[in-house]
Amino acid sequence: MSELLTVSEVADILRVDDTTVRRWVKQGALEAVILPHVNERQAYRIKRETLDRVLGDAANQLGAE
């Protein structure tokens, strides 16, 4: 089973704000698991393998330039 990361953890890894990660999820740029929410804000978890794939794709694009 894949490790699930919080929005804050992903933001720290990518060195961006939590809001940016949430925007990417809402835009479909970053795949996430949507958790049932109790609060006003939707809760997401991002699979580690999804993040690794996104980072790998970005590295491959940089290498091709």
PDB file of N, CA and C in Angstrom:
ATOM      1  N   MET A   1       0.836  -1.181   0.000  1.00  0.00           N
ATOM      2  CA  MET A   1       0.000   0.000   0.000  1.00  0.00           C
ATOM      3  C   MET A   1       0.881   1.245   0.000  1.00  0.00           C
ATOM      4  N   SER A   2       0.503   2.218  -0.767  1.00  0.00           N
ATOM      5  CA  SER A   2       1.287   3.438  -0.916  1.00  0.00           C
ATOM      6  C   SER A   2       1.117   4.355   0.293  1.00  0.00           C
ATOM      7  N   GLU A   3       2.203   5.031   0.619  1.00  0.00           N
ATOM      8  CA  GLU A   3       2.174   6.002   1.706  1.00  0.00           C
ATOM      9  C   GLU A   3       1.347   7.210   1.276  1.00  0.00           C
ATOM     10  N   LEU A   4       0.500   7.701   2.165  1.00  0.00           N
ATOM     11  CA  LEU A   4      -0.318   8.876   1.877  1.00  0.00           C
ATOM     12  C   LEU A   4       0.273  10.091   2.580  1.00  0.00           C
ATOM     13  N   LEU A   5       0.427  11.174   1.833  1.00  0.00           N
ATOM     14  CA  LEU A   5       1.000  12.407   2.359  1.00  0.00           C
ATOM     15  C   LEU A   5      -0.070  13.477   2.493  1.00  0.00           C
ATOM     16  N   THR A   6       0.067  14.314   3.497  1.00  0.00           N
ATOM     17  CA  THR A   6      -0.860  15.427   3.663  1.00  0.00           C
ATOM     18  C   THR A   6      -0.492  16.550   2.700  1.00  0.00           C
ATOM     19  N   VAL A   7      -1.386  17.489   2.547  1.00  0.00           N
ATOM     20  CA  VAL A   7      -1.128  18.657   1.704  1.00  0.00           C
ATOM     21  C   VAL A   7       0.101  19.404   2.220  1.00  0.00           C
ATOM     22  N   SER A   8       0.218  19.549   3.529  1.00  0.00           N
ATOM     23  CA  SER A   8       1.357  20.249   4.123  1.00  0.00           C
ATOM     24  C   SER A   8       2.673  19.536   3.843  1.00  0.00           C
ATOM     25  N   GLU A   9       2.669  18.215   3.926  1.00  0.00           N
ATOM     26  CA  GLU A   9       3.890  17.445   3.652  1.00  0.00           C
ATOM     27  C   GLU A   9       4.323  17.610   2.201  1.00  0.00           C
ATOM     28  N   VAL A  10       3.353  17.549   1.286  1.00  0.00           N
ATOM     29  CA  VAL A  10       3.666  17.728  -0.138  1.00  0.00           C
ATOM     30  C   VAL A  10       4.186  19.145  -0.390  1.00  0.00           C
ATOM     31  N   ALA A  11       3.558  20.118   0.236  1.00  0.00           N
ATOM     32  CA  ALA A  11       3.984  21.513   0.088  1.00  0.00           C
ATOM     33  C   ALA A  11       5.424  21.689   0.569  1.00  0.00           C
ATOM     34  N   ASP A  12       5.767  21.064   1.683  1.00  0.00           N
ATOM     35  CA  ASP A  12       7.138  21.148   2.198  1.00  0.00           C
ATOM     36  C   ASP A  12       8.132  20.514   1.233  1.00  0.00           C
ATOM     37  N   ILE A  13       7.783  19.359   0.689  1.00  0.00           N
ATOM     38  CA  ILE A  13       8.676  18.660  -0.245  1.00  0.00           C
ATOM     39  C   ILE A  13       8.903  19.492  -1.499  1.00  0.00           C
ATOM     40  N   LEU A  14       7.829  20.087  -2.015  1.00  0.00           N
ATOM     41  CA  LEU A  14       7.906  20.862  -3.258  1.00  0.00           C
ATOM     42  C   LEU A  14       8.293  22.322  -3.031  1.00  0.00           C
ATOM     43  N   ARG A  15       8.379  22.718  -1.762  1.00  0.00           N
ATOM     44  CA  ARG A  15       8.732  24.088  -1.388  1.00  0.00           C
ATOM     45  C   ARG A  15       7.758  25.118  -1.960  1.00  0.00           C
ATOM     46  N   VAL A  16       6.491  24.806  -1.786  1.00  0.00           N
ATOM     47  CA  VAL A  16       5.414  25.716  -2.195  1.00  0.00           C
ATOM     48  C   VAL A  16       4.449  25.853  -1.024  1.00  0.00           C
ATOM     49  N   ASP A  17       3.490  26.747  -1.155  1.00  0.00           N
ATOM     50  CA  ASP A  17       2.476  26.955  -0.131  1.00  0.00           C
ATOM     51  C   ASP A  17       1.400  25.873  -0.219  1.00  0.00           C
ATOM     52  N   ASP A  18       0.765  25.593   0.915  1.00  0.00           N
ATOM     53  CA  ASP A  18      -0.340  24.617   0.942  1.00  0.00           C
ATOM     54  C   ASP A  18      -1.415  24.964  -0.081  1.00  0.00           C
ATOM     55  N   THR A  19      -1.691  26.255  -0.227  1.00  0.00           N
ATOM     56  CA  THR A  19      -2.726  26.709  -1.157  1.00  0.00           C
ATOM     57  C   THR A  19      -2.394  26.302  -2.590  1.00  0.00           C
ATOM     58  N   THR A  20      -1.129  26.329  -2.932  1.00  0.00           N
ATOM     59  CA  THR A  20      -0.696  25.928  -4.273  1.00  0.00           C
ATOM     60  C   THR A  20      -0.984  24.449  -4.511  1.00  0.00           C
ATOM     61  N   VAL A  21      -0.679  23.621  -3.532  1.00  0.00           N
ATOM     62  CA  VAL A  21      -0.939  22.180  -3.660  1.00  0.00           C
ATOM     63  C   VAL A  21      -2.438  21.937  -3.802  1.00  0.00           C
ATOM     64  N   ARG A  22      -3.244  22.614  -2.991  1.00  0.00           N
ATOM     65  CA  ARG A  22      -4.702  22.470  -3.089  1.00  0.00           C
ATOM     66  C   ARG A  22      -5.206  22.902  -4.470  1.00  0.00           C
ATOM     67  N   ARG A  23      -4.646  23.968  -5.010  1.00  0.00           N
ATOM     68  CA  ARG A  23      -5.037  24.449  -6.334  1.00  0.00           C
ATOM     69  C   ARG A  23      -4.702  23.402  -7.392  1.00  0.00           C
ATOM     70  N   TRP A  24      -3.498  22.812  -7.307  1.00  0.00           N
ATOM     71  CA  TRP A  24      -3.102  21.784  -8.271  1.00  0.00           C
ATOM     72  C   TRP A  24      -4.044  20.589  -8.219  1.00  0.00           C
ATOM     73  N   VAL A  25      -4.467  20.209  -7.012  1.00  0.00           N
ATOM     74  CA  VAL A  25      -5.402  19.087  -6.864  1.00  0.00           C
ATOM     75  C   VAL A  25      -6.736  19.447  -7.517  1.00  0.00           C
ATOM     76  N   LYS A  26      -7.251  20.637  -7.219  1.00  0.00           N
ATOM     77  CA  LYS A  26      -8.539  21.058  -7.779  1.00  0.00           C
ATOM     78  C   LYS A  26      -8.499  21.187  -9.297  1.00  0.00           C
ATOM     79  N   GLN A  27      -7.332  21.575  -9.840  1.00  0.00           N
ATOM     80  CA  GLN A  27      -7.181  21.717 -11.291  1.00  0.00           C
ATOM     81  C   GLN A  27      -6.924  20.380 -11.982  1.00  0.00           C
ATOM     82  N   GLY A  28      -6.670  19.342 -11.199  1.00  0.00           N
ATOM     83  CA  GLY A  28      -6.407  18.031 -11.773  1.00  0.00           C
ATOM     84  C   GLY A  28      -4.953  17.806 -12.138  1.00  0.00           C
ATOM     85  N   ALA A  29      -4.084  18.734 -11.785  1.00  0.00           N
ATOM     86  CA  ALA A  29      -2.659  18.607 -12.093  1.00  0.00           C
ATOM     87  C   ALA A  29      -1.958  17.633 -11.146  1.00  0.00           C
ATOM     88  N   LEU A  30      -2.547  17.413  -9.981  1.00  0.00           N
ATOM     89  CA  LEU A  30      -1.985  16.503  -8.985  1.00  0.00           C
ATOM     90  C   LEU A  30      -3.110  15.615  -8.475  1.00  0.00           C
ATOM     91  N   GLU A  31      -2.952  14.322  -8.676  1.00  0.00           N
ATOM     92  CA  GLU A  31      -3.977  13.363  -8.268  1.00  0.00           C
ATOM     93  C   GLU A  31      -3.968  13.202  -6.749  1.00  0.00           C
ATOM     94  N   ALA A  32      -5.146  13.196  -6.147  1.00  0.00           N
ATOM     95  CA  ALA A  32      -5.242  13.071  -4.693  1.00  0.00           C
ATOM     96  C   ALA A  32      -6.453  12.245  -4.296  1.00  0.00           C
ATOM     97  N   VAL A  33      -6.384  11.698  -3.097  1.00  0.00           N
ATOM     98  CA  VAL A  33      -7.504  11.003  -2.487  1.00  0.00           C
ATOM     99  C   VAL A  33      -8.282  12.051  -1.698  1.00  0.00           C
ATOM    100  N   ILE A  34      -9.575  12.130  -1.933  1.00  0.00           N
ATOM    101  CA  ILE A  34     -10.412  13.095  -1.227  1.00  0.00           C
ATOM    102  C   ILE A  34     -11.035  12.402  -0.025  1.00  0.00           C
ATOM    103  N   LEU A  35     -10.775  12.946   1.149  1.00  0.00           N
ATOM    104  CA  LEU A  35     -11.303  12.368   2.383  1.00  0.00           C
ATOM    105  C   LEU A  35     -12.634  13.012   2.736  1.00  0.00           C
ATOM    106  N   PRO A  36     -13.487  12.267   3.409  1.00  0.00           N
ATOM    107  CA  PRO A  36     -14.717  12.887   3.904  1.00  0.00           C
ATOM    108  C   PRO A  36     -14.320  14.014   4.855  1.00  0.00           C
ATOM    109  N   HIS A  37     -14.934  15.161   4.707  1.00  0.00           N
ATOM    110  CA  HIS A  37     -14.507  16.293   5.533  1.00  0.00           C
ATOM    111  C   HIS A  37     -15.569  16.698   6.540  1.00  0.00           C
ATOM    112  N   VAL A  38     -15.073  17.153   7.669  1.00  0.00           N
ATOM    113  CA  VAL A  38     -15.924  17.607   8.752  1.00  0.00           C
ATOM    114  C   VAL A  38     -15.914  19.132   8.772  1.00  0.00           C
ATOM    115  N   ASN A  39     -14.774  19.699   8.477  1.00  0.00           N
ATOM    116  CA  ASN A  39     -14.612  21.150   8.486  1.00  0.00           C
ATOM    117  C   ASN A  39     -15.035  21.743   7.152  1.00  0.00           C
ATOM    118  N   GLU A  40     -14.862  23.038   7.014  1.00  0.00           N
ATOM    119  CA  GLU A  40     -15.198  23.719   5.760  1.00  0.00           C
ATOM    120  C   GLU A  40     -14.239  23.350   4.642  1.00  0.00           C
ATOM    121  N   ARG A  41     -12.968  23.129   4.982  1.00  0.00           N
ATOM    122  CA  ARG A  41     -11.949  22.859   3.974  1.00  0.00           C
ATOM    123  C   ARG A  41     -11.898  21.373   3.642  1.00  0.00           C
ATOM    124  N   GLN A  42     -11.867  21.067   2.356  1.00  0.00           N
ATOM    125  CA  GLN A  42     -11.766  19.685   1.870  1.00  0.00           C
ATOM    126  C   GLN A  42     -10.409  19.099   2.273  1.00  0.00           C
ATOM    127  N   ALA A  43     -10.392  17.856   2.704  1.00  0.00           N
ATOM    128  CA  ALA A  43      -9.156  17.191   3.098  1.00  0.00           C
ATOM    129  C   ALA A  43      -8.684  16.284   1.972  1.00  0.00           C
ATOM    130  N   TYR A  44      -7.395  16.382   1.649  1.00  0.00           N
ATOM    131  CA  TYR A  44      -6.792  15.577   0.592  1.00  0.00           C
ATOM    132  C   TYR A  44      -5.602  14.805   1.142  1.00  0.00           C
ATOM    133  N   ARG A  45      -5.305  13.684   0.489  1.00  0.00           N
ATOM    134  CA  ARG A  45      -4.065  12.957   0.721  1.00  0.00           C
ATOM    135  C   ARG A  45      -3.501  12.623  -0.650  1.00  0.00           C
ATOM    136  N   ILE A  46      -2.199  12.789  -0.781  1.00  0.00           N
ATOM    137  CA  ILE A  46      -1.523  12.525  -2.049  1.00  0.00           C
ATOM    138  C   ILE A  46      -0.642  11.297  -1.857  1.00  0.00           C
ATOM    139  N   LYS A  47      -0.770  10.346  -2.767  1.00  0.00           N
ATOM    140  CA  LYS A  47       0.049   9.139  -2.688  1.00  0.00           C
ATOM    141  C   LYS A  47       1.503   9.493  -2.965  1.00  0.00           C
ATOM    142  N   ARG A  48       2.407   8.877  -2.214  1.00  0.00           N
ATOM    143  CA  ARG A  48       3.847   9.097  -2.404  1.00  0.00           C
ATOM    144  C   ARG A  48       4.252   8.744  -3.834  1.00  0.00           C
ATOM    145  N   GLU A  49       3.696   7.667  -4.370  1.00  0.00           N
ATOM    146  CA  GLU A  49       4.043   7.250  -5.731  1.00  0.00           C
ATOM    147  C   GLU A  49       3.591   8.287  -6.761  1.00  0.00           C
ATOM    148  N   THR A  50       2.474   8.958  -6.512  1.00  0.00           N
ATOM    149  CA  THR A  50       2.011  10.018  -7.406  1.00  0.00           C
ATOM    150  C   THR A  50       2.985  11.187  -7.381  1.00  0.00           C
ATOM    151  N   LEU A  51       3.417  11.572  -6.190  1.00  0.00           N
ATOM    152  CA  LEU A  51       4.374  12.666  -6.066  1.00  0.00           C
ATOM    153  C   LEU A  51       5.697  12.304  -6.729  1.00  0.00           C
ATOM    154  N   ASP A  52       6.168  11.079  -6.508  1.00  0.00           N
ATOM    155  CA  ASP A  52       7.416  10.625  -7.138  1.00  0.00           C
ATOM    156  C   ASP A  52       7.303  10.651  -8.657  1.00  0.00           C
ATOM    157  N   ARG A  53       6.142  10.265  -9.186  1.00  0.00           N
ATOM    158  CA  ARG A  53       5.931  10.274 -10.635  1.00  0.00           C
ATOM    159  C   ARG A  53       5.963  11.705 -11.169  1.00  0.00           C
ATOM    160  N   VAL A  54       5.296  12.620 -10.470  1.00  0.00           N
ATOM    161  CA  VAL A  54       5.283  14.024 -10.893  1.00  0.00           C
ATOM    162  C   VAL A  54       6.703  14.593 -10.869  1.00  0.00           C
ATOM    163  N   LEU A  55       7.437  14.301  -9.819  1.00  0.00           N
ATOM    164  CA  LEU A  55       8.816  14.797  -9.720  1.00  0.00           C
ATOM    165  C   LEU A  55       9.696  14.174 -10.796  1.00  0.00           C
ATOM    166  N   GLY A  56       9.477  12.897 -11.086  1.00  0.00           N
ATOM    167  CA  GLY A  56      10.248  12.231 -12.134  1.00  0.00           C
ATOM    168  C   GLY A  56       9.952  12.813 -13.499  1.00  0.00           C
ATOM    169  N   ASP A  57       8.673  13.112 -13.779  1.00  0.00           N
ATOM    170  CA  ASP A  57       8.293  13.728 -15.053  1.00  0.00           C
ATOM    171  C   ASP A  57       8.917  15.102 -15.200  1.00  0.00           C
ATOM    172  N   ALA A  58       8.939  15.862 -14.119  1.00  0.00           N
ATOM    173  CA  ALA A  58       9.532  17.204 -14.155  1.00  0.00           C
ATOM    174  C   ALA A  58      11.031  17.120 -14.408  1.00  0.00           C
ATOM    175  N   ALA A  59      11.692  16.162 -13.779  1.00  0.00           N
ATOM    176  CA  ALA A  59      13.130  16.004 -13.972  1.00  0.00           C
ATOM    177  C   ALA A  59      13.437  15.588 -15.399  1.00  0.00           C
ATOM    178  N   ASN A  60      12.600  14.727 -15.970  1.00  0.00           N
ATOM    179  CA  ASN A  60      12.809  14.298 -17.357  1.00  0.00           C
ATOM    180  C   ASN A  60      12.622  15.451 -18.327  1.00  0.00           C
ATOM    181  N   GLN A  61      11.665  16.329 -18.060  1.00  0.00           N
ATOM    182  CA  GLN A  61      11.444  17.484 -18.924  1.00  0.00           C
ATOM    183  C   GLN A  61      12.620  18.447 -18.847  1.00  0.00           C
ATOM    184  N   LEU A  62      13.185  18.612 -17.668  1.00  0.00           N
ATOM    185  CA  LEU A  62      14.344  19.500 -17.514  1.00  0.00           C
ATOM    186  C   LEU A  62      15.563  18.921 -18.241  1.00  0.00           C
ATOM    187  N   GLY A  63      15.703  17.615 -18.199  1.00  0.00           N
ATOM    188  CA  GLY A  63      16.826  16.967 -18.871  1.00  0.00           C
ATOM    189  C   GLY A  63      16.736  17.034 -20.380  1.00  0.00           C
ATOM    190  N   ALA A  64      15.511  17.134 -20.912  1.00  0.00           N
ATOM    191  CA  ALA A  64      15.307  17.176 -22.363  1.00  0.00           C
ATOM    192  C   ALA A  64      15.574  18.555 -22.945  1.00  0.00           C
ATOM    193  N   GLU A  65      15.616  19.562 -22.093  1.00  0.00           N
ATOM    194  CA  GLU A  65      15.816  20.936 -22.603  1.00  0.00           C
ATOM    195  C   GLU A  65      17.269  21.234 -22.842  1.00  0.00           C
TER     196      GLU A  65
END
